[in-house]
PDB file of N, CA and C in Angstrom:
ATOM      1  N   MET A   1     -24.562  -2.541  10.472  1.00  0.00           N
ATOM      2  CA  MET A   1     -24.192  -1.433   9.637  1.00  0.00           C
ATOM      3  C   MET A   1     -22.752  -1.038   9.958  1.00  0.00           C
ATOM      4  N   ILE A   2     -22.057  -0.553   8.934  1.00  0.00           N
ATOM      5  CA  ILE A   2     -20.681  -0.108   9.066  1.00  0.00           C
ATOM      6  C   ILE A   2     -20.653   1.417   9.021  1.00  0.00           C
ATOM      7  N   VAL A   3     -19.857   1.999   9.901  1.00  0.00           N
ATOM      8  CA  VAL A   3     -19.620   3.445   9.900  1.00  0.00           C
ATOM      9  C   VAL A   3     -18.175   3.658   9.471  1.00  0.00           C
ATOM     10  N   PHE A   4     -17.997   4.444   8.432  1.00  0.00           N
ATOM     11  CA  PHE A   4     -16.673   4.770   7.913  1.00  0.00           C
ATOM     12  C   PHE A   4     -16.393   6.221   8.265  1.00  0.00           C
ATOM     13  N   ASN A   5     -15.415   6.442   9.126  1.00  0.00           N
ATOM     14  CA  ASN A   5     -15.099   7.778   9.624  1.00  0.00           C
ATOM     15  C   ASN A   5     -13.666   8.144   9.255  1.00  0.00           C
ATOM     16  N   THR A   6     -13.481   9.337   8.741  1.00  0.00           N
ATOM     17  CA  THR A   6     -12.149   9.884   8.552  1.00  0.00           C
ATOM     18  C   THR A   6     -12.070  11.175   9.352  1.00  0.00           C
ATOM     19  N   THR A   7     -11.091  11.241  10.236  1.00  0.00           N
ATOM     20  CA  THR A   7     -10.870  12.437  11.032  1.00  0.00           C
ATOM     21  C   THR A   7      -9.732  13.222  10.390  1.00  0.00           C
ATOM     22  N   PHE A   8     -10.011  14.487  10.118  1.00  0.00           N
ATOM     23  CA  PHE A   8      -9.039  15.380   9.498  1.00  0.00           C
ATOM     24  C   PHE A   8      -8.625  16.448  10.497  1.00  0.00           C
ATOM     25  N   HIS A   9      -7.354  16.780  10.511  1.00  0.00           N
ATOM     26  CA  HIS A   9      -6.871  17.920  11.285  1.00  0.00           C
ATOM     27  C   HIS A   9      -6.313  18.927  10.287  1.00  0.00           C
ATOM     28  N   ILE A  10      -6.774  20.170  10.391  1.00  0.00           N
ATOM     29  CA  ILE A  10      -6.373  21.194   9.433  1.00  0.00           C
ATOM     30  C   ILE A  10      -5.844  22.427  10.160  1.00  0.00           C
ATOM     31  N   GLU A  11      -5.055  23.200   9.442  1.00  0.00           N
ATOM     32  CA  GLU A  11      -4.550  24.441   9.998  1.00  0.00           C
ATOM     33  C   GLU A  11      -5.689  25.424  10.207  1.00  0.00           C
ATOM     34  N   GLU A  12      -5.544  26.253  11.205  1.00  0.00           N
ATOM     35  CA  GLU A  12      -6.612  27.173  11.605  1.00  0.00           C
ATOM     36  C   GLU A  12      -7.079  28.086  10.477  1.00  0.00           C
ATOM     37  N   GLY A  13      -6.173  28.625   9.707  1.00  0.00           N
ATOM     38  CA  GLY A  13      -6.528  29.616   8.704  1.00  0.00           C
ATOM     39  C   GLY A  13      -7.349  29.116   7.531  1.00  0.00           C
ATOM     40  N   ILE A  14      -7.479  27.811   7.380  1.00  0.00           N
ATOM     41  CA  ILE A  14      -8.198  27.278   6.213  1.00  0.00           C
ATOM     42  C   ILE A  14      -9.469  26.522   6.580  1.00  0.00           C
ATOM     43  N   HIS A  15      -9.891  26.575   7.836  1.00  0.00           N
ATOM     44  CA  HIS A  15     -11.015  25.734   8.250  1.00  0.00           C
ATOM     45  C   HIS A  15     -12.312  26.062   7.512  1.00  0.00           C
ATOM     46  N   GLU A  16     -12.582  27.322   7.212  1.00  0.00           N
ATOM     47  CA  GLU A  16     -13.814  27.665   6.490  1.00  0.00           C
ATOM     48  C   GLU A  16     -13.751  27.164   5.052  1.00  0.00           C
ATOM     49  N   GLU A  17     -12.606  27.298   4.411  1.00  0.00           N
ATOM     50  CA  GLU A  17     -12.421  26.783   3.054  1.00  0.00           C
ATOM     51  C   GLU A  17     -12.546  25.257   3.038  1.00  0.00           C
ATOM     52  N   PHE A  18     -12.006  24.614   4.056  1.00  0.00           N
ATOM     53  CA  PHE A  18     -12.098  23.161   4.181  1.00  0.00           C
ATOM     54  C   PHE A  18     -13.560  22.724   4.298  1.00  0.00           C
ATOM     55  N   ILE A  19     -14.319  23.358   5.172  1.00  0.00           N
ATOM     56  CA  ILE A  19     -15.734  23.007   5.345  1.00  0.00           C
ATOM     57  C   ILE A  19     -16.485  23.166   4.025  1.00  0.00           C
ATOM     58  N   GLU A  20     -16.267  24.274   3.347  1.00  0.00           N
ATOM     59  CA  GLU A  20     -16.935  24.503   2.067  1.00  0.00           C
ATOM     60  C   GLU A  20     -16.579  23.417   1.055  1.00  0.00           C
ATOM     61  N   TYR A  21     -15.295  23.066   0.981  1.00  0.00           N
ATOM     62  CA  TYR A  21     -14.862  22.022   0.053  1.00  0.00           C
ATOM     63  C   TYR A  21     -15.530  20.686   0.396  1.00  0.00           C
ATOM     64  N   MET A  22     -15.549  20.353   1.661  1.00  0.00           N
ATOM     65  CA  MET A  22     -16.156  19.078   2.075  1.00  0.00           C
ATOM     66  C   MET A  22     -17.626  19.020   1.687  1.00  0.00           C
ATOM     67  N   LEU A  23     -18.359  20.105   1.946  1.00  0.00           N
ATOM     68  CA  LEU A  23     -19.801  20.127   1.666  1.00  0.00           C
ATOM     69  C   LEU A  23     -20.110  20.204   0.171  1.00  0.00           C
ATOM     70  N   GLN A  24     -19.315  20.966  -0.567  1.00  0.00           N
ATOM     71  CA  GLN A  24     -19.610  21.195  -1.980  1.00  0.00           C
ATOM     72  C   GLN A  24     -18.971  20.184  -2.936  1.00  0.00           C
ATOM     73  N   VAL A  25     -17.828  19.603  -2.542  1.00  0.00           N
ATOM     74  CA  VAL A  25     -17.087  18.735  -3.460  1.00  0.00           C
ATOM     75  C   VAL A  25     -16.919  17.321  -2.899  1.00  0.00           C
ATOM     76  N   PHE A  26     -16.313  17.203  -1.721  1.00  0.00           N
ATOM     77  CA  PHE A  26     -15.947  15.894  -1.180  1.00  0.00           C
ATOM     78  C   PHE A  26     -17.162  14.999  -0.941  1.00  0.00           C
ATOM     79  N   ILE A  27     -18.167  15.502  -0.261  1.00  0.00           N
ATOM     80  CA  ILE A  27     -19.350  14.680   0.032  1.00  0.00           C
ATOM     81  C   ILE A  27     -20.072  14.261  -1.250  1.00  0.00           C
ATOM     82  N   PRO A  28     -20.368  15.184  -2.181  1.00  0.00           N
ATOM     83  CA  PRO A  28     -21.019  14.737  -3.419  1.00  0.00           C
ATOM     84  C   PRO A  28     -20.206  13.699  -4.199  1.00  0.00           C
ATOM     85  N   MET A  29     -18.882  13.866  -4.244  1.00  0.00           N
ATOM     86  CA  MET A  29     -18.046  12.885  -4.945  1.00  0.00           C
ATOM     87  C   MET A  29     -18.073  11.532  -4.231  1.00  0.00           C
ATOM     88  N   SER A  30     -18.072  11.553  -2.906  1.00  0.00           N
ATOM     89  CA  SER A  30     -18.018  10.321  -2.119  1.00  0.00           C
ATOM     90  C   SER A  30     -19.311   9.520  -2.179  1.00  0.00           C
ATOM     91  N   THR A  31     -20.415  10.204  -2.325  1.00  0.00           N
ATOM     92  CA  THR A  31     -21.727   9.534  -2.288  1.00  0.00           C
ATOM     93  C   THR A  31     -22.345   9.346  -3.668  1.00  0.00           C
ATOM     94  N   LYS A  32     -21.652   9.764  -4.697  1.00  0.00           N
ATOM     95  CA  LYS A  32     -22.195   9.728  -6.057  1.00  0.00           C
ATOM     96  C   LYS A  32     -22.717   8.346  -6.461  1.00  0.00           C
ATOM     97  N   SER A  33     -21.986   7.299  -6.150  1.00  0.00           N
ATOM     98  CA  SER A  33     -22.377   5.949  -6.562  1.00  0.00           C
ATOM     99  C   SER A  33     -23.440   5.334  -5.656  1.00  0.00           C
ATOM    100  N   GLY A  34     -23.617   5.887  -4.472  1.00  0.00           N
ATOM    101  CA  GLY A  34     -24.577   5.317  -3.534  1.00  0.00           C
ATOM    102  C   GLY A  34     -23.986   4.256  -2.615  1.00  0.00           C
ATOM    103  N   LEU A  35     -22.708   3.940  -2.783  1.00  0.00           N
ATOM    104  CA  LEU A  35     -22.080   2.944  -1.904  1.00  0.00           C
ATOM    105  C   LEU A  35     -21.906   3.496  -0.490  1.00  0.00           C
ATOM    106  N   LEU A  36     -21.535   4.770  -0.380  1.00  0.00           N
ATOM    107  CA  LEU A  36     -21.483   5.452   0.909  1.00  0.00           C
ATOM    108  C   LEU A  36     -22.744   6.298   1.038  1.00  0.00           C
ATOM    109  N   THR A  37     -23.366   6.280   2.213  1.00  0.00           N
ATOM    110  CA  THR A  37     -24.604   7.018   2.419  1.00  0.00           C
ATOM    111  C   THR A  37     -24.545   7.809   3.725  1.00  0.00           C
ATOM    112  N   SER A  38     -25.557   8.611   3.950  1.00  0.00           N
ATOM    113  CA  SER A  38     -25.758   9.357   5.195  1.00  0.00           C
ATOM    114  C   SER A  38     -24.517  10.119   5.649  1.00  0.00           C
ATOM    115  N   PRO A  39     -23.989  11.007   4.804  1.00  0.00           N
ATOM    116  CA  PRO A  39     -22.792  11.748   5.198  1.00  0.00           C
ATOM    117  C   PRO A  39     -23.069  12.675   6.378  1.00  0.00           C
ATOM    118  N   ARG A  40     -22.055  12.805   7.236  1.00  0.00           N
ATOM    119  CA  ARG A  40     -22.158  13.729   8.366  1.00  0.00           C
ATOM    120  C   ARG A  40     -20.772  14.289   8.648  1.00  0.00           C
ATOM    121  N   LEU A  41     -20.660  15.603   8.590  1.00  0.00           N
ATOM    122  CA  LEU A  41     -19.418  16.290   8.906  1.00  0.00           C
ATOM    123  C   LEU A  41     -19.586  16.944  10.271  1.00  0.00           C
ATOM    124  N   ALA A  42     -18.658  16.680  11.188  1.00  0.00           N
ATOM    125  CA  ALA A  42     -18.764  17.214  12.548  1.00  0.00           C
ATOM    126  C   ALA A  42     -17.422  17.772  13.000  1.00  0.00           C
ATOM    127  N   ARG A  43     -17.485  18.849  13.734  1.00  0.00           N
ATOM    128  CA  ARG A  43     -16.263  19.407  14.327  1.00  0.00           C
ATOM    129  C   ARG A  43     -15.928  18.620  15.581  1.00  0.00           C
ATOM    130  N   VAL A  44     -14.658  18.273  15.728  1.00  0.00           N
ATOM    131  CA  VAL A  44     -14.171  17.563  16.906  1.00  0.00           C
ATOM    132  C   VAL A  44     -13.551  18.605  17.826  1.00  0.00           C
ATOM    133  N   HIS A  45     -14.039  18.676  19.055  1.00  0.00           N
ATOM    134  CA  HIS A  45     -13.504  19.634  20.022  1.00  0.00           C
ATOM    135  C   HIS A  45     -12.487  18.939  20.913  1.00  0.00           C
ATOM    136  N   GLY A  46     -11.417  19.642  21.205  1.00  0.00           N
ATOM    137  CA  GLY A  46     -10.379  19.075  22.057  1.00  0.00           C
ATOM    138  C   GLY A  46      -9.279  20.077  22.317  1.00  0.00           C
ATOM    139  N   LYS A  47      -8.236  19.631  22.919  1.00  0.00           N
ATOM    140  CA  LYS A  47      -7.129  20.505  23.325  1.00  0.00           C
ATOM    141  C   LYS A  47      -6.325  21.054  22.152  1.00  0.00           C
ATOM    142  N   GLU A  48      -6.370  20.395  21.007  1.00  0.00           N
ATOM    143  CA  GLU A  48      -5.555  20.823  19.870  1.00  0.00           C
ATOM    144  C   GLU A  48      -6.084  22.075  19.193  1.00  0.00           C
ATOM    145  N   GLU A  49      -7.188  22.641  19.677  1.00  0.00           N
ATOM    146  CA  GLU A  49      -7.810  23.782  19.015  1.00  0.00           C
ATOM    147  C   GLU A  49      -6.874  24.971  18.873  1.00  0.00           C
ATOM    148  N   ASP A  50      -5.868  25.114  19.739  1.00  0.00           N
ATOM    149  CA  ASP A  50      -4.915  26.207  19.624  1.00  0.00           C
ATOM    150  C   ASP A  50      -4.046  26.052  18.376  1.00  0.00           C
ATOM    151  N   GLN A  51      -3.959  24.851  17.845  1.00  0.00           N
ATOM    152  CA  GLN A  51      -3.074  24.568  16.727  1.00  0.00           C
ATOM    153  C   GLN A  51      -3.824  24.207  15.454  1.00  0.00           C
ATOM    154  N   GLY A  52      -5.108  24.436  15.408  1.00  0.00           N
ATOM    155  CA  GLY A  52      -5.903  24.106  14.240  1.00  0.00           C
ATOM    156  C   GLY A  52      -7.242  23.526  14.645  1.00  0.00           C
ATOM    157  N   TYR A  53      -7.897  22.891  13.687  1.00  0.00           N
ATOM    158  CA  TYR A  53      -9.222  22.326  13.908  1.00  0.00           C
ATOM    159  C   TYR A  53      -9.253  20.879  13.441  1.00  0.00           C
ATOM    160  N   SER A  54     -10.087  20.092  14.099  1.00  0.00           N
ATOM    161  CA  SER A  54     -10.297  18.711  13.675  1.00  0.00           C
ATOM    162  C   SER A  54     -11.757  18.521  13.285  1.00  0.00           C
ATOM    163  N   PHE A  55     -11.967  17.730  12.247  1.00  0.00           N
ATOM    164  CA  PHE A  55     -13.308  17.434  11.757  1.00  0.00           C
ATOM    165  C   PHE A  55     -13.419  15.939  11.493  1.00  0.00           C
ATOM    166  N   ALA A  56     -14.583  15.384  11.791  1.00  0.00           N
ATOM    167  CA  ALA A  56     -14.864  13.981  11.507  1.00  0.00           C
ATOM    168  C   ALA A  56     -15.840  13.922  10.331  1.00  0.00           C
ATOM    169  N   MET A  57     -15.453  13.198   9.303  1.00  0.00           N
ATOM    170  CA  MET A  57     -16.307  12.969   8.135  1.00  0.00           C
ATOM    171  C   MET A  57     -16.786  11.536   8.199  1.00  0.00           C
ATOM    172  N   GLU A  58     -18.082  11.356   8.376  1.00  0.00           N
ATOM    173  CA  GLU A  58     -18.649  10.031   8.612  1.00  0.00           C
ATOM    174  C   GLU A  58     -19.641   9.655   7.508  1.00  0.00           C
ATOM    175  N   PHE A  59     -19.567   8.393   7.116  1.00  0.00           N
ATOM    176  CA  PHE A  59     -20.527   7.829   6.169  1.00  0.00           C
ATOM    177  C   PHE A  59     -21.022   6.497   6.717  1.00  0.00           C
ATOM    178  N   GLN A  60     -22.199   6.100   6.291  1.00  0.00           N
ATOM    179  CA  GLN A  60     -22.698   4.765   6.598  1.00  0.00           C
ATOM    180  C   GLN A  60     -22.508   3.894   5.364  1.00  0.00           C
ATOM    181  N   VAL A  61     -22.222   2.615   5.614  1.00  0.00           N
ATOM    182  CA  VAL A  61     -21.979   1.652   4.544  1.00  0.00           C
ATOM    183  C   VAL A  61     -22.725   0.372   4.898  1.00  0.00           C
ATOM    184  N   ALA A  62     -23.294  -0.283   3.915  1.00  0.00           N
ATOM    185  CA  ALA A  62     -24.097  -1.487   4.164  1.00  0.00           C
ATOM    186  C   ALA A  62     -23.299  -2.587   4.849  1.00  0.00           C
ATOM    187  N   ASP A  63     -22.060  -2.818   4.369  1.00  0.00           N
ATOM    188  CA  ASP A  63     -21.244  -3.907   4.917  1.00  0.00           C
ATOM    189  C   ASP A  63     -19.790  -3.683   4.527  1.00  0.00           C
ATOM    190  N   LEU A  64     -18.912  -4.530   5.048  1.00  0.00           N
ATOM    191  CA  LEU A  64     -17.477  -4.381   4.774  1.00  0.00           C
ATOM    192  C   LEU A  64     -17.144  -4.594   3.301  1.00  0.00           C
ATOM    193  N   TYR A  65     -17.868  -5.506   2.645  1.00  0.00           N
ATOM    194  CA  TYR A  65     -17.648  -5.744   1.226  1.00  0.00           C
ATOM    195  C   TYR A  65     -17.901  -4.459   0.429  1.00  0.00           C
ATOM    196  N   THR A  66     -18.975  -3.756   0.752  1.00  0.00           N
ATOM    197  CA  THR A  66     -19.319  -2.516   0.053  1.00  0.00           C
ATOM    198  C   THR A  66     -18.261  -1.447   0.302  1.00  0.00           C
ATOM    199  N   LEU A  67     -17.775  -1.358   1.531  1.00  0.00           N
ATOM    200  CA  LEU A  67     -16.715  -0.395   1.829  1.00  0.00           C
ATOM    201  C   LEU A  67     -15.450  -0.737   1.063  1.00  0.00           C
ATOM    202  N   GLU A  68     -15.100  -1.998   1.000  1.00  0.00           N
ATOM    203  CA  GLU A  68     -13.914  -2.409   0.250  1.00  0.00           C
ATOM    204  C   GLU A  68     -14.078  -2.083  -1.235  1.00  0.00           C
ATOM    205  N   ARG A  69     -15.277  -2.268  -1.731  1.00  0.00           N
ATOM    206  CA  ARG A  69     -15.561  -1.928  -3.130  1.00  0.00           C
ATOM    207  C   ARG A  69     -15.376  -0.426  -3.357  1.00  0.00           C
ATOM    208  N   TRP A  70     -15.909   0.402  -2.449  1.00  0.00           N
ATOM    209  CA  TRP A  70     -15.743   1.849  -2.576  1.00  0.00           C
ATOM    210  C   TRP A  70     -14.262   2.222  -2.527  1.00  0.00           C
ATOM    211  N   ASN A  71     -13.535   1.614  -1.596  1.00  0.00           N
ATOM    212  CA  ASN A  71     -12.104   1.904  -1.476  1.00  0.00           C
ATOM    213  C   ASN A  71     -11.346   1.552  -2.753  1.00  0.00           C
ATOM    214  N   SER A  72     -11.664   0.432  -3.346  1.00  0.00           N
ATOM    215  CA  SER A  72     -10.917   0.001  -4.533  1.00  0.00           C
ATOM    216  C   SER A  72     -11.368   0.717  -5.807  1.00  0.00           C
ATOM    217  N   GLU A  73     -12.639   1.095  -5.888  1.00  0.00           N
ATOM    218  CA  GLU A  73     -13.156   1.673  -7.125  1.00  0.00           C
ATOM    219  C   GLU A  73     -13.245   3.191  -7.118  1.00  0.00           C
ATOM    220  N   GLU A  74     -13.448   3.796  -5.955  1.00  0.00           N
ATOM    221  CA  GLU A  74     -13.786   5.217  -5.950  1.00  0.00           C
ATOM    222  C   GLU A  74     -12.904   6.115  -5.094  1.00  0.00           C
ATOM    223  N   SER A  75     -12.283   5.582  -4.072  1.00  0.00           N
ATOM    224  CA  SER A  75     -11.528   6.455  -3.165  1.00  0.00           C
ATOM    225  C   SER A  75     -10.408   7.206  -3.880  1.00  0.00           C
ATOM    226  N   GLN A  76      -9.811   6.583  -4.901  1.00  0.00           N
ATOM    227  CA  GLN A  76      -8.727   7.240  -5.629  1.00  0.00           C
ATOM    228  C   GLN A  76      -9.215   8.430  -6.458  1.00  0.00           C
ATOM    229  N   LEU A  77     -10.527   8.572  -6.612  1.00  0.00           N
ATOM    230  CA  LEU A  77     -11.095   9.735  -7.295  1.00  0.00           C
ATOM    231  C   LEU A  77     -11.431  10.853  -6.308  1.00  0.00           C
ATOM    232  N   VAL A  78     -11.539  10.502  -5.031  1.00  0.00           N
ATOM    233  CA  VAL A  78     -12.008  11.438  -4.009  1.00  0.00           C
ATOM    234  C   VAL A  78     -10.862  12.056  -3.210  1.00  0.00           C
ATOM    235  N   TYR A  79      -9.938  11.226  -2.752  1.00  0.00           N
ATOM    236  CA  TYR A  79      -8.897  11.719  -1.847  1.00  0.00           C
ATOM    237  C   TYR A  79      -7.782  12.525  -2.519  1.00  0.00           C
ATOM    238  N   PRO A  80      -7.259  12.136  -3.688  1.00  0.00           N
ATOM    239  CA  PRO A  80      -6.168  12.933  -4.285  1.00  0.00           C
ATOM    240  C   PRO A  80      -6.501  14.413  -4.514  1.00  0.00           C
ATOM    241  N   PRO A  81      -7.709  14.764  -5.009  1.00  0.00           N
ATOM    242  CA  PRO A  81      -7.997  16.202  -5.149  1.00  0.00           C
ATOM    243  C   PRO A  81      -8.015  16.942  -3.804  1.00  0.00           C
ATOM    244  N   LEU A  82      -8.503  16.282  -2.760  1.00  0.00           N
ATOM    245  CA  LEU A  82      -8.510  16.881  -1.419  1.00  0.00           C
ATOM    246  C   LEU A  82      -7.082  17.128  -0.945  1.00  0.00           C
ATOM    247  N   LEU A  83      -6.233  16.128  -1.087  1.00  0.00           N
ATOM    248  CA  LEU A  83      -4.846  16.243  -0.650  1.00  0.00           C
ATOM    249  C   LEU A  83      -4.079  17.264  -1.484  1.00  0.00           C
ATOM    250  N   GLU A  84      -4.373  17.334  -2.760  1.00  0.00           N
ATOM    251  CA  GLU A  84      -3.715  18.314  -3.622  1.00  0.00           C
ATOM    252  C   GLU A  84      -4.126  19.738  -3.247  1.00  0.00           C
ATOM    253  N   LYS A  85      -5.380  19.916  -2.918  1.00  0.00           N
ATOM    254  CA  LYS A  85      -5.875  21.250  -2.582  1.00  0.00           C
ATOM    255  C   LYS A  85      -5.275  21.768  -1.277  1.00  0.00           C
ATOM    256  N   PHE A  86      -5.209  20.917  -0.249  1.00  0.00           N
ATOM    257  CA  PHE A  86      -4.801  21.389   1.074  1.00  0.00           C
ATOM    258  C   PHE A  86      -3.365  20.993   1.462  1.00  0.00           C
ATOM    259  N   LYS A  87      -2.753  20.125   0.689  1.00  0.00           N
ATOM    260  CA  LYS A  87      -1.354  19.712   0.852  1.00  0.00           C
ATOM    261  C   LYS A  87      -0.975  19.443   2.299  1.00  0.00           C
ATOM    262  N   GLU A  88       0.110  20.050   2.769  1.00  0.00           N
ATOM    263  CA  GLU A  88       0.623  19.788   4.116  1.00  0.00           C
ATOM    264  C   GLU A  88      -0.192  20.460   5.219  1.00  0.00           C
ATOM    265  N   LYS A  89      -1.221  21.189   4.857  1.00  0.00           N
ATOM    266  CA  LYS A  89      -2.073  21.847   5.855  1.00  0.00           C
ATOM    267  C   LYS A  89      -3.143  20.904   6.394  1.00  0.00           C
ATOM    268  N   LEU A  90      -3.128  19.659   5.940  1.00  0.00           N
ATOM    269  CA  LEU A  90      -4.157  18.679   6.268  1.00  0.00           C
ATOM    270  C   LEU A  90      -3.508  17.348   6.625  1.00  0.00           C
ATOM    271  N   ALA A  91      -4.031  16.718   7.664  1.00  0.00           N
ATOM    272  CA  ALA A  91      -3.626  15.355   8.017  1.00  0.00           C
ATOM    273  C   ALA A  91      -4.888  14.598   8.396  1.00  0.00           C
ATOM    274  N   GLY A  92      -4.897  13.292   8.186  1.00  0.00           N
ATOM    275  CA  GLY A  92      -6.103  12.537   8.520  1.00  0.00           C
ATOM    276  C   GLY A  92      -5.836  11.067   8.735  1.00  0.00           C
ATOM    277  N   PHE A  93      -6.816  10.418   9.347  1.00  0.00           N
ATOM    278  CA  PHE A  93      -6.785   8.971   9.520  1.00  0.00           C
ATOM    279  C   PHE A  93      -8.217   8.460   9.490  1.00  0.00           C
ATOM    280  N   SER A  94      -8.371   7.230   9.033  1.00  0.00           N
ATOM    281  CA  SER A  94      -9.708   6.632   8.903  1.00  0.00           C
ATOM    282  C   SER A  94      -9.929   5.529   9.928  1.00  0.00           C
ATOM    283  N   THR A  95     -11.180   5.372  10.314  1.00  0.00           N
ATOM    284  CA  THR A  95     -11.602   4.342  11.250  1.00  0.00           C
ATOM    285  C   THR A  95     -12.844   3.664  10.692  1.00  0.00           C
ATOM    286  N   VAL A  96     -12.883   2.350  10.765  1.00  0.00           N
ATOM    287  CA  VAL A  96     -14.058   1.583  10.353  1.00  0.00           C
ATOM    288  C   VAL A  96     -14.675   0.986  11.610  1.00  0.00           C
ATOM    289  N   MET A  97     -15.964   1.262  11.805  1.00  0.00           N
ATOM    290  CA  MET A  97     -16.658   0.793  13.011  1.00  0.00           C
ATOM    291  C   MET A  97     -17.917   0.036  12.601  1.00  0.00           C
ATOM    292  N   GLU A  98     -18.256  -0.962  13.380  1.00  0.00           N
ATOM    293  CA  GLU A  98     -19.478  -1.722  13.169  1.00  0.00           C
ATOM    294  C   GLU A  98     -20.463  -1.381  14.278  1.00  0.00           C
ATOM    295  N   THR A  99     -21.653  -0.975  13.891  1.00  0.00           N
ATOM    296  CA  THR A  99     -22.685  -0.628  14.862  1.00  0.00           C
ATOM    297  C   THR A  99     -23.155  -1.895  15.574  1.00  0.00           C
ATOM    298  N   ILE A 100     -23.255  -1.811  16.884  1.00  0.00           N
ATOM    299  CA  ILE A 100     -23.740  -2.927  17.699  1.00  0.00           C
ATOM    300  C   ILE A 100     -25.126  -2.577  18.207  1.00  0.00           C
ATOM    301  N   SER A 101     -26.078  -3.408  17.893  1.00  0.00           N
ATOM    302  CA  SER A 101     -27.451  -3.181  18.339  1.00  0.00           C
ATOM    303  C   SER A 101     -27.621  -3.676  19.759  1.00  0.00           C
ATOM    304  N   TYR A 102     -28.480  -3.004  20.501  1.00  0.00           N
ATOM    305  CA  TYR A 102     -28.766  -3.435  21.865  1.00  0.00           C
ATOM    306  C   TYR A 102     -30.239  -3.356  22.137  1.00  0.00           C
TER     307      TYR A 102
END
């Protein structure tokens, strides 16, 4: 299984608005087609808390082909509205991980 994670860092004053947007808009838009599943939004704790908040947005994906399909067909519908809404108050990076069974 593939885990697709995007970590966002946001300014302190907008963290509640960000959480609401993620739960009400971003997650439903991201999972609409069923290519991304099992959404999980988590707060990342660390030293940067004095300068804002970090959140990890995680989805499960069947395989790399499916993730590539989502990226090419759907990501351009999901990310631009998020970036437009929060502009320079938001920064993020994505990580793709493969679950290893033991």
